Amino acid sequence: MDPRLQAFERLLNIMDDLREKCPWDKKQTLESLRHLTIEETYELADAIIDNDLDALKGEIGDLLLHMVFYCKIGQEKEAFDITDALNGICDKLVHRHPHIYGDVEATTEEEVKANWEKLKLKEGKKSVLEGVPKSLPALVKAARIQEKAKGIGFEWDNRADVWSKVKEEMDELAEEVESGASENKIEEEFGDVMFSLINYARFINVNSENALSRTNKKFIKRFQLMEELMASDNVPIDDSSLETMDKYWDRAKEQLRSASR
């Protein structure tokens, strides 16, 4: 027997045991698992950002458990089971890859994406943007909206035009701030700047979420090293001037830069 099938069968059998015998697992519902699944997804994302493949393996296992758990509850409700879920995704993949399983020609990534969006419209979706989850974080959601619009040809011609749009939006934001506009208006213009920057990121092949996550990680690392350096010199951070903290910030930055060479 294929070891992959053996491993999956083992997980299914363990899930059956836990649902029957474990007090915690017996109590879980679709709703109670939801926030835990979101947390596990972020932990998987952290492992990817850290390029920690060993941690990634574990996080994938955690998410697989959650998927099996949902299917077990679906089976108990007589709504669906793991077989239905697996066959459903298999059928969808075959249907949406006619360049593999049919006679459609698609030799580039862009052609594949365009075909994918057109097929979804033929399946009865009223809008290309219908498949964007409402609860996605705003940064990720903006990128997904732009990708889906691109799938049907609603896209800028070149990155120079996109960068011009970024500068235009930044100028509009500056004007609203200087004119003393309302908070709502400034927030709206700031949102336009962010949306245009995310759009530009796509044109230079940068994933906005990954880029910001790396910057956050870099800031945390530098800030915590700054704290350590100040503590080692008995300089209280909560009673220091910005000028003092800037000096330690530069030291931390240089120390980390030297370590990475």
C-alpha atoms as a PDB file:
ATOM      1  CA  MET A   1       0.000   0.000   0.000  1.00  0.00           C
ATOM      2  CA  ASP A   2       1.185   3.508  -0.821  1.00  0.00           C
ATOM      3  CA  PRO A   3       2.758   4.966   2.381  1.00  0.00           C
ATOM      4  CA  ARG A   4       0.948   8.247   1.729  1.00  0.00           C
ATOM      5  CA  LEU A   5      -2.398   6.451   1.860  1.00  0.00           C
ATOM      6  CA  GLN A   6      -1.330   4.541   4.972  1.00  0.00           C
ATOM      7  CA  ALA A   7      -0.398   7.766   6.745  1.00  0.00           C
ATOM      8  CA  PHE A   8      -3.677   9.430   5.772  1.00  0.00           C
ATOM      9  CA  GLU A   9      -5.697   6.395   6.864  1.00  0.00           C
ATOM     10  CA  ARG A  10      -3.868   6.446  10.198  1.00  0.00           C
ATOM     11  CA  LEU A  11      -4.868  10.093  10.721  1.00  0.00           C
ATOM     12  CA  LEU A  12      -8.507   9.291   9.897  1.00  0.00           C
ATOM     13  CA  ASN A  13      -8.524   6.393  12.365  1.00  0.00           C
ATOM     14  CA  ILE A  14      -6.950   8.521  15.106  1.00  0.00           C
ATOM     15  CA  MET A  15      -9.564  11.211  14.480  1.00  0.00           C
ATOM     16  CA  ASP A  16     -12.319   8.601  14.906  1.00  0.00           C
ATOM     17  CA  ASP A  17     -10.774   7.503  18.213  1.00  0.00           C
ATOM     18  CA  LEU A  18     -10.379  11.038  19.542  1.00  0.00           C
ATOM     19  CA  ARG A  19     -13.895  12.059  18.615  1.00  0.00           C
ATOM     20  CA  GLU A  20     -15.265   9.034  20.444  1.00  0.00           C
ATOM     21  CA  LYS A  21     -13.016   8.932  23.515  1.00  0.00           C
ATOM     22  CA  CYS A  22     -11.344  12.301  24.213  1.00  0.00           C
ATOM     23  CA  PRO A  23     -13.424  14.741  26.330  1.00  0.00           C
ATOM     24  CA  TRP A  24     -11.929  17.804  24.574  1.00  0.00           C
ATOM     25  CA  ASP A  25     -12.269  16.484  21.031  1.00  0.00           C
ATOM     26  CA  LYS A  26     -15.833  15.318  21.693  1.00  0.00           C
ATOM     27  CA  LYS A  27     -16.872  18.873  22.627  1.00  0.00           C
ATOM     28  CA  GLN A  28     -15.526  20.626  19.538  1.00  0.00           C
ATOM     29  CA  THR A  29     -17.803  22.166  16.908  1.00  0.00           C
ATOM     30  CA  LEU A  30     -17.229  23.866  13.570  1.00  0.00           C
ATOM     31  CA  GLU A  31     -17.469  27.201  15.366  1.00  0.00           C
ATOM     32  CA  SER A  32     -15.099  26.320  18.218  1.00  0.00           C
ATOM     33  CA  LEU A  33     -12.428  25.106  15.801  1.00  0.00           C
ATOM     34  CA  ARG A  34     -12.599  28.163  13.530  1.00  0.00           C
ATOM     35  CA  HIS A  35     -10.330  30.512  15.533  1.00  0.00           C
ATOM     36  CA  LEU A  36      -7.894  27.671  16.199  1.00  0.00           C
ATOM     37  CA  THR A  37      -7.626  26.980  12.468  1.00  0.00           C
ATOM     38  CA  ILE A  38      -6.916  30.646  11.779  1.00  0.00           C
ATOM     39  CA  GLU A  39      -4.185  30.576  14.436  1.00  0.00           C
ATOM     40  CA  GLU A  40      -2.652  27.437  12.916  1.00  0.00           C
ATOM     41  CA  THR A  41      -2.671  29.088   9.486  1.00  0.00           C
ATOM     42  CA  TYR A  42      -0.715  32.054  10.828  1.00  0.00           C
ATOM     43  CA  GLU A  43       1.774  29.687  12.473  1.00  0.00           C
ATOM     44  CA  LEU A  44       2.277  27.998   9.106  1.00  0.00           C
ATOM     45  CA  ALA A  45       2.792  31.418   7.518  1.00  0.00           C
ATOM     46  CA  ASP A  46       5.422  32.224  10.179  1.00  0.00           C
ATOM     47  CA  ALA A  47       7.300  29.008   9.370  1.00  0.00           C
ATOM     48  CA  ILE A  48       7.350  29.977   5.684  1.00  0.00           C
ATOM     49  CA  ILE A  49       8.615  33.497   6.431  1.00  0.00           C
ATOM     50  CA  ASP A  50      11.313  32.024   8.703  1.00  0.00           C
ATOM     51  CA  ASN A  51      12.176  29.405   6.076  1.00  0.00           C
ATOM     52  CA  ASP A  52      11.925  26.809   8.857  1.00  0.00           C
ATOM     53  CA  LEU A  53      11.076  23.665   6.899  1.00  0.00           C
ATOM     54  CA  ASP A  54      10.996  21.446   9.976  1.00  0.00           C
ATOM     55  CA  ALA A  55       8.451  23.742  11.626  1.00  0.00           C
ATOM     56  CA  LEU A  56       6.553  23.939   8.327  1.00  0.00           C
ATOM     57  CA  LYS A  57       6.188  20.166   8.257  1.00  0.00           C
ATOM     58  CA  GLY A  58       4.624  20.255  11.717  1.00  0.00           C
ATOM     59  CA  GLU A  59       2.283  23.134  10.885  1.00  0.00           C
ATOM     60  CA  ILE A  60       1.076  21.364   7.731  1.00  0.00           C
ATOM     61  CA  GLY A  61       0.250  18.365   9.901  1.00  0.00           C
ATOM     62  CA  ASP A  62      -1.703  20.577  12.313  1.00  0.00           C
ATOM     63  CA  LEU A  63      -3.756  22.041   9.466  1.00  0.00           C
ATOM     64  CA  LEU A  64      -4.392  18.599   7.982  1.00  0.00           C
ATOM     65  CA  LEU A  65      -5.750  17.525  11.359  1.00  0.00           C
ATOM     66  CA  HIS A  66      -8.138  20.470  11.337  1.00  0.00           C
ATOM     67  CA  MET A  67      -9.378  19.603   7.852  1.00  0.00           C
ATOM     68  CA  VAL A  68      -9.986  16.009   8.901  1.00  0.00           C
ATOM     69  CA  PHE A  69     -11.724  17.272  12.060  1.00  0.00           C
ATOM     70  CA  TYR A  70     -14.124  19.444  10.045  1.00  0.00           C
ATOM     71  CA  CYS A  71     -14.926  16.513   7.781  1.00  0.00           C
ATOM     72  CA  LYS A  72     -15.583  14.280  10.780  1.00  0.00           C
ATOM     73  CA  ILE A  73     -18.071  16.798  12.151  1.00  0.00           C
ATOM     74  CA  GLY A  74     -19.627  17.133   8.689  1.00  0.00           C
ATOM     75  CA  GLN A  75     -20.040  13.358   8.583  1.00  0.00           C
ATOM     76  CA  GLU A  76     -21.746  13.382  11.982  1.00  0.00           C
ATOM     77  CA  LYS A  77     -24.154  16.008  10.689  1.00  0.00           C
ATOM     78  CA  GLU A  78     -24.769  13.833   7.617  1.00  0.00           C
ATOM     79  CA  ALA A  79     -23.782  16.801   5.459  1.00  0.00           C
ATOM     80  CA  PHE A  80     -20.484  15.602   3.930  1.00  0.00           C
ATOM     81  CA  ASP A  81     -17.438  13.521   4.772  1.00  0.00           C
ATOM     82  CA  ILE A  82     -13.751  13.428   3.873  1.00  0.00           C
ATOM     83  CA  THR A  83     -14.509  11.483   0.679  1.00  0.00           C
ATOM     84  CA  ASP A  84     -16.896  14.196  -0.500  1.00  0.00           C
ATOM     85  CA  ALA A  85     -14.374  16.938   0.258  1.00  0.00           C
ATOM     86  CA  LEU A  86     -11.530  15.157  -1.543  1.00  0.00           C
ATOM     87  CA  ASN A  87     -13.611  14.242  -4.571  1.00  0.00           C
ATOM     88  CA  GLY A  88     -14.944  17.789  -4.674  1.00  0.00           C
ATOM     89  CA  ILE A  89     -11.512  19.362  -4.923  1.00  0.00           C
ATOM     90  CA  CYS A  90     -10.368  16.728  -7.424  1.00  0.00           C
ATOM     91  CA  ASP A  91     -13.366  17.408  -9.667  1.00  0.00           C
ATOM     92  CA  LYS A  92     -12.794  21.163  -9.404  1.00  0.00           C
ATOM     93  CA  LEU A  93      -9.099  20.855 -10.313  1.00  0.00           C
ATOM     94  CA  VAL A  94      -9.840  18.699 -13.344  1.00  0.00           C
ATOM     95  CA  HIS A  95     -12.586  21.083 -14.494  1.00  0.00           C
ATOM     96  CA  ARG A  96     -10.439  24.198 -14.053  1.00  0.00           C
ATOM     97  CA  HIS A  97      -7.398  22.730 -15.792  1.00  0.00           C
ATOM     98  CA  PRO A  98      -8.737  22.014 -19.281  1.00  0.00           C
ATOM     99  CA  HIS A  99      -5.218  22.660 -20.618  1.00  0.00           C
ATOM    100  CA  ILE A 100      -4.198  19.477 -18.767  1.00  0.00           C
ATOM    101  CA  TYR A 101      -7.361  17.353 -18.817  1.00  0.00           C
ATOM    102  CA  GLY A 102      -9.005  18.764 -21.932  1.00  0.00           C
ATOM    103  CA  ASP A 103      -8.195  20.325 -25.291  1.00  0.00           C
ATOM    104  CA  VAL A 104      -7.637  23.953 -24.236  1.00  0.00           C
ATOM    105  CA  GLU A 105      -4.285  25.572 -25.041  1.00  0.00           C
ATOM    106  CA  ALA A 106      -2.516  27.432 -22.227  1.00  0.00           C
ATOM    107  CA  THR A 107       1.250  27.698 -22.260  1.00  0.00           C
ATOM    108  CA  THR A 108       1.830  30.569 -19.811  1.00  0.00           C
ATOM    109  CA  GLU A 109       0.913  31.240 -16.198  1.00  0.00           C
ATOM    110  CA  GLU A 110      -1.154  34.265 -17.239  1.00  0.00           C
ATOM    111  CA  GLU A 111      -3.229  32.210 -19.694  1.00  0.00           C
ATOM    112  CA  VAL A 112      -3.906  29.636 -16.984  1.00  0.00           C
ATOM    113  CA  LYS A 113      -5.091  32.326 -14.541  1.00  0.00           C
ATOM    114  CA  ALA A 114      -7.299  33.957 -17.177  1.00  0.00           C
ATOM    115  CA  ASN A 115      -8.918  30.620 -18.049  1.00  0.00           C
ATOM    116  CA  TRP A 116      -9.448  29.915 -14.341  1.00  0.00           C
ATOM    117  CA  GLU A 117     -11.404  33.146 -13.794  1.00  0.00           C
ATOM    118  CA  LYS A 118     -13.484  32.683 -16.955  1.00  0.00           C
ATOM    119  CA  LEU A 119     -14.397  29.141 -15.922  1.00  0.00           C
ATOM    120  CA  LYS A 120     -15.557  30.365 -12.524  1.00  0.00           C
ATOM    121  CA  LEU A 121     -17.883  32.862 -14.203  1.00  0.00           C
ATOM    122  CA  LYS A 122     -19.298  30.074 -16.357  1.00  0.00           C
ATOM    123  CA  GLU A 123     -19.938  28.072 -13.178  1.00  0.00           C
ATOM    124  CA  GLY A 124     -22.511  30.669 -12.155  1.00  0.00           C
ATOM    125  CA  LYS A 125     -20.539  33.212 -10.177  1.00  0.00           C
ATOM    126  CA  LYS A 126     -21.987  36.692 -10.708  1.00  0.00           C
ATOM    127  CA  SER A 127     -18.722  38.535 -10.132  1.00  0.00           C
ATOM    128  CA  VAL A 128     -15.053  37.829 -10.672  1.00  0.00           C
ATOM    129  CA  LEU A 129     -14.496  39.169  -7.142  1.00  0.00           C
ATOM    130  CA  GLU A 130     -17.074  36.862  -5.572  1.00  0.00           C
ATOM    131  CA  GLY A 131     -14.446  34.355  -4.517  1.00  0.00           C
ATOM    132  CA  VAL A 132     -12.456  36.820  -2.387  1.00  0.00           C
ATOM    133  CA  PRO A 133     -13.125  35.903   1.277  1.00  0.00           C
ATOM    134  CA  LYS A 134     -14.724  38.725   3.242  1.00  0.00           C
ATOM    135  CA  SER A 135     -12.641  38.048   6.342  1.00  0.00           C
ATOM    136  CA  LEU A 136      -9.227  38.160   4.637  1.00  0.00           C
ATOM    137  CA  PRO A 137      -6.801  40.675   6.172  1.00  0.00           C
ATOM    138  CA  ALA A 138      -7.025  43.905   4.164  1.00  0.00           C
ATOM    139  CA  LEU A 139      -3.497  43.698   2.722  1.00  0.00           C
ATOM    140  CA  VAL A 140      -3.970  40.176   1.399  1.00  0.00           C
ATOM    141  CA  LYS A 141      -7.489  41.001   0.244  1.00  0.00           C
ATOM    142  CA  ALA A 142      -6.284  43.949  -1.855  1.00  0.00           C
ATOM    143  CA  ALA A 143      -3.764  41.732  -3.633  1.00  0.00           C
ATOM    144  CA  ARG A 144      -6.380  39.042  -4.292  1.00  0.00           C
ATOM    145  CA  ILE A 145      -8.843  41.616  -5.679  1.00  0.00           C
ATOM    146  CA  GLN A 146      -6.191  42.936  -8.044  1.00  0.00           C
ATOM    147  CA  GLU A 147      -5.164  39.450  -9.186  1.00  0.00           C
ATOM    148  CA  LYS A 148      -8.757  38.512  -9.932  1.00  0.00           C
ATOM    149  CA  ALA A 149      -9.400  41.724 -11.868  1.00  0.00           C
ATOM    150  CA  LYS A 150      -6.218  41.046 -13.827  1.00  0.00           C
ATOM    151  CA  GLY A 151      -7.545  37.588 -14.692  1.00  0.00           C
ATOM    152  CA  ILE A 152     -10.153  39.073 -17.023  1.00  0.00           C
ATOM    153  CA  GLY A 153      -7.845  41.741 -18.463  1.00  0.00           C
ATOM    154  CA  PHE A 154      -8.663  44.669 -16.142  1.00  0.00           C
ATOM    155  CA  GLU A 155      -5.024  45.636 -15.656  1.00  0.00           C
ATOM    156  CA  TRP A 156      -2.545  48.449 -16.198  1.00  0.00           C
ATOM    157  CA  ASP A 157      -0.390  48.251 -19.315  1.00  0.00           C
ATOM    158  CA  ASN A 158       2.984  48.766 -17.637  1.00  0.00           C
ATOM    159  CA  ARG A 159       4.606  49.377 -14.262  1.00  0.00           C
ATOM    160  CA  ALA A 160       5.562  52.968 -15.110  1.00  0.00           C
ATOM    161  CA  ASP A 161       1.867  53.872 -15.292  1.00  0.00           C
ATOM    162  CA  VAL A 162       1.256  52.086 -11.998  1.00  0.00           C
ATOM    163  CA  TRP A 163       4.066  54.024 -10.311  1.00  0.00           C
ATOM    164  CA  SER A 164       2.627  57.268 -11.667  1.00  0.00           C
ATOM    165  CA  LYS A 165      -0.648  56.288 -10.024  1.00  0.00           C
ATOM    166  CA  VAL A 166       1.162  55.681  -6.720  1.00  0.00           C
ATOM    167  CA  LYS A 167       2.671  59.191  -6.848  1.00  0.00           C
ATOM    168  CA  GLU A 168      -0.696  60.674  -7.812  1.00  0.00           C
ATOM    169  CA  GLU A 169      -2.364  59.023  -4.817  1.00  0.00           C
ATOM    170  CA  MET A 170       0.437  60.164  -2.485  1.00  0.00           C
ATOM    171  CA  ASP A 171       0.045  63.741  -3.709  1.00  0.00           C
ATOM    172  CA  GLU A 172      -3.714  63.559  -3.100  1.00  0.00           C
ATOM    173  CA  LEU A 173      -3.115  62.262   0.422  1.00  0.00           C
ATOM    174  CA  ALA A 174      -0.653  65.073   1.143  1.00  0.00           C
ATOM    175  CA  GLU A 175      -3.145  67.658  -0.137  1.00  0.00           C
ATOM    176  CA  GLU A 176      -5.914  66.340   2.120  1.00  0.00           C
ATOM    177  CA  VAL A 177      -3.617  66.309   5.154  1.00  0.00           C
ATOM    178  CA  GLU A 178      -2.362  69.854   4.493  1.00  0.00           C
ATOM    179  CA  SER A 179      -5.878  71.178   3.903  1.00  0.00           C
ATOM    180  CA  GLY A 180      -7.073  69.818   7.248  1.00  0.00           C
ATOM    181  CA  ALA A 181      -9.576  67.414   5.724  1.00  0.00           C
ATOM    182  CA  SER A 182     -11.722  65.142   7.878  1.00  0.00           C
ATOM    183  CA  GLU A 183     -10.277  61.957   9.356  1.00  0.00           C
ATOM    184  CA  ASN A 184     -12.540  59.893   7.101  1.00  0.00           C
ATOM    185  CA  LYS A 185     -11.275  61.650   3.968  1.00  0.00           C
ATOM    186  CA  ILE A 186      -7.629  61.288   4.988  1.00  0.00           C
ATOM    187  CA  GLU A 187      -8.191  57.622   5.808  1.00  0.00           C
ATOM    188  CA  GLU A 188      -9.795  57.116   2.398  1.00  0.00           C
ATOM    189  CA  GLU A 189      -6.841  58.719   0.613  1.00  0.00           C
ATOM    190  CA  PHE A 190      -4.375  56.726   2.703  1.00  0.00           C
ATOM    191  CA  GLY A 191      -6.217  53.557   1.693  1.00  0.00           C
ATOM    192  CA  ASP A 192      -5.875  54.571  -1.954  1.00  0.00           C
ATOM    193  CA  VAL A 193      -2.107  54.971  -1.484  1.00  0.00           C
ATOM    194  CA  MET A 194      -1.822  51.518   0.066  1.00  0.00           C
ATOM    195  CA  PHE A 195      -3.958  49.929  -2.655  1.00  0.00           C
ATOM    196  CA  SER A 196      -1.840  51.504  -5.383  1.00  0.00           C
ATOM    197  CA  LEU A 197       1.400  50.417  -3.675  1.00  0.00           C
ATOM    198  CA  ILE A 198       0.147  46.845  -3.431  1.00  0.00           C
ATOM    199  CA  ASN A 199      -0.719  47.048  -7.111  1.00  0.00           C
ATOM    200  CA  TYR A 200       2.792  48.276  -7.924  1.00  0.00           C
ATOM    201  CA  ALA A 201       4.267  45.452  -5.848  1.00  0.00           C
ATOM    202  CA  ARG A 202       2.597  42.955  -8.184  1.00  0.00           C
ATOM    203  CA  PHE A 203       4.252  44.615 -11.177  1.00  0.00           C
ATOM    204  CA  ILE A 204       7.720  44.227  -9.652  1.00  0.00           C
ATOM    205  CA  ASN A 205       6.972  40.633  -8.524  1.00  0.00           C
ATOM    206  CA  VAL A 206       6.863  41.435  -4.806  1.00  0.00           C
ATOM    207  CA  ASN A 207       4.346  39.802  -2.485  1.00  0.00           C
ATOM    208  CA  SER A 208       3.131  42.690  -0.311  1.00  0.00           C
ATOM    209  CA  GLU A 209       2.193  40.495   2.643  1.00  0.00           C
ATOM    210  CA  ASN A 210       5.573  38.750   2.649  1.00  0.00           C
ATOM    211  CA  ALA A 211       7.418  42.046   2.246  1.00  0.00           C
ATOM    212  CA  LEU A 212       5.644  43.701   5.176  1.00  0.00           C
ATOM    213  CA  SER A 213       6.009  40.561   7.314  1.00  0.00           C
ATOM    214  CA  ARG A 214       9.762  40.573   6.714  1.00  0.00           C
ATOM    215  CA  THR A 215       9.970  44.269   7.563  1.00  0.00           C
ATOM    216  CA  ASN A 216       8.009  43.681  10.780  1.00  0.00           C
ATOM    217  CA  LYS A 217      10.344  40.827  11.668  1.00  0.00           C
ATOM    218  CA  LYS A 218      13.395  42.987  10.928  1.00  0.00           C
ATOM    219  CA  PHE A 219      12.080  45.848  13.067  1.00  0.00           C
ATOM    220  CA  ILE A 220      11.332  43.528  15.999  1.00  0.00           C
ATOM    221  CA  LYS A 221      14.800  41.993  15.804  1.00  0.00           C
ATOM    222  CA  ARG A 222      16.533  45.400  15.726  1.00  0.00           C
ATOM    223  CA  PHE A 223      14.340  46.873  18.449  1.00  0.00           C
ATOM    224  CA  GLN A 224      14.895  43.940  20.797  1.00  0.00           C
ATOM    225  CA  LEU A 225      18.653  44.098  20.206  1.00  0.00           C
ATOM    226  CA  MET A 226      18.519  47.819  20.924  1.00  0.00           C
ATOM    227  CA  GLU A 227      16.798  47.016  24.223  1.00  0.00           C
ATOM    228  CA  GLU A 228      19.496  44.449  25.053  1.00  0.00           C
ATOM    229  CA  LEU A 229      22.315  46.898  24.268  1.00  0.00           C
ATOM    230  CA  MET A 230      20.747  49.587  26.407  1.00  0.00           C
ATOM    231  CA  ALA A 231      20.176  47.153  29.264  1.00  0.00           C
ATOM    232  CA  SER A 232      23.809  45.991  29.101  1.00  0.00           C
ATOM    233  CA  ASP A 233      24.900  49.630  29.489  1.00  0.00           C
ATOM    234  CA  ASN A 234      22.365  50.173  32.311  1.00  0.00           C
ATOM    235  CA  VAL A 235      20.529  52.761  30.237  1.00  0.00           C
ATOM    236  CA  PRO A 236      16.791  52.739  31.118  1.00  0.00           C
ATOM    237  CA  ILE A 237      14.824  52.699  27.862  1.00  0.00           C
ATOM    238  CA  ASP A 238      11.682  54.134  29.431  1.00  0.00           C
ATOM    239  CA  ASP A 239      13.595  57.211  30.625  1.00  0.00           C
ATOM    240  CA  SER A 240      15.793  57.829  27.578  1.00  0.00           C
ATOM    241  CA  SER A 241      15.600  60.540  24.945  1.00  0.00           C
ATOM    242  CA  LEU A 242      14.871  59.779  21.323  1.00  0.00           C
ATOM    243  CA  GLU A 243      18.436  60.841  20.524  1.00  0.00           C
ATOM    244  CA  THR A 244      19.828  58.206  22.897  1.00  0.00           C
ATOM    245  CA  MET A 245      17.561  55.503  21.534  1.00  0.00           C
ATOM    246  CA  ASP A 246      18.558  56.452  17.977  1.00  0.00           C
ATOM    247  CA  LYS A 247      22.216  55.899  18.838  1.00  0.00           C
ATOM    248  CA  TYR A 248      21.492  52.421  20.190  1.00  0.00           C
ATOM    249  CA  TRP A 249      19.217  51.731  17.217  1.00  0.00           C
ATOM    250  CA  ASP A 250      22.117  52.484  14.857  1.00  0.00           C
ATOM    251  CA  ARG A 251      24.405  50.231  16.899  1.00  0.00           C
ATOM    252  CA  ALA A 252      21.875  47.399  16.715  1.00  0.00           C
ATOM    253  CA  LYS A 253      21.446  47.932  12.986  1.00  0.00           C
ATOM    254  CA  GLU A 254      25.188  47.812  12.355  1.00  0.00           C
ATOM    255  CA  GLN A 255      25.646  44.763  14.609  1.00  0.00           C
ATOM    256  CA  LEU A 256      22.980  42.827  12.759  1.00  0.00           C
ATOM    257  CA  ARG A 257      24.352  43.932   9.405  1.00  0.00           C
ATOM    258  CA  SER A 258      27.848  42.739  10.355  1.00  0.00           C
ATOM    259  CA  ALA A 259      26.478  39.402  11.568  1.00  0.00           C
ATOM    260  CA  SER A 260      24.783  38.781   8.227  1.00  0.00           C
ATOM    261  CA  ARG A 261      27.901  39.386   6.112  1.00  0.00           C
END
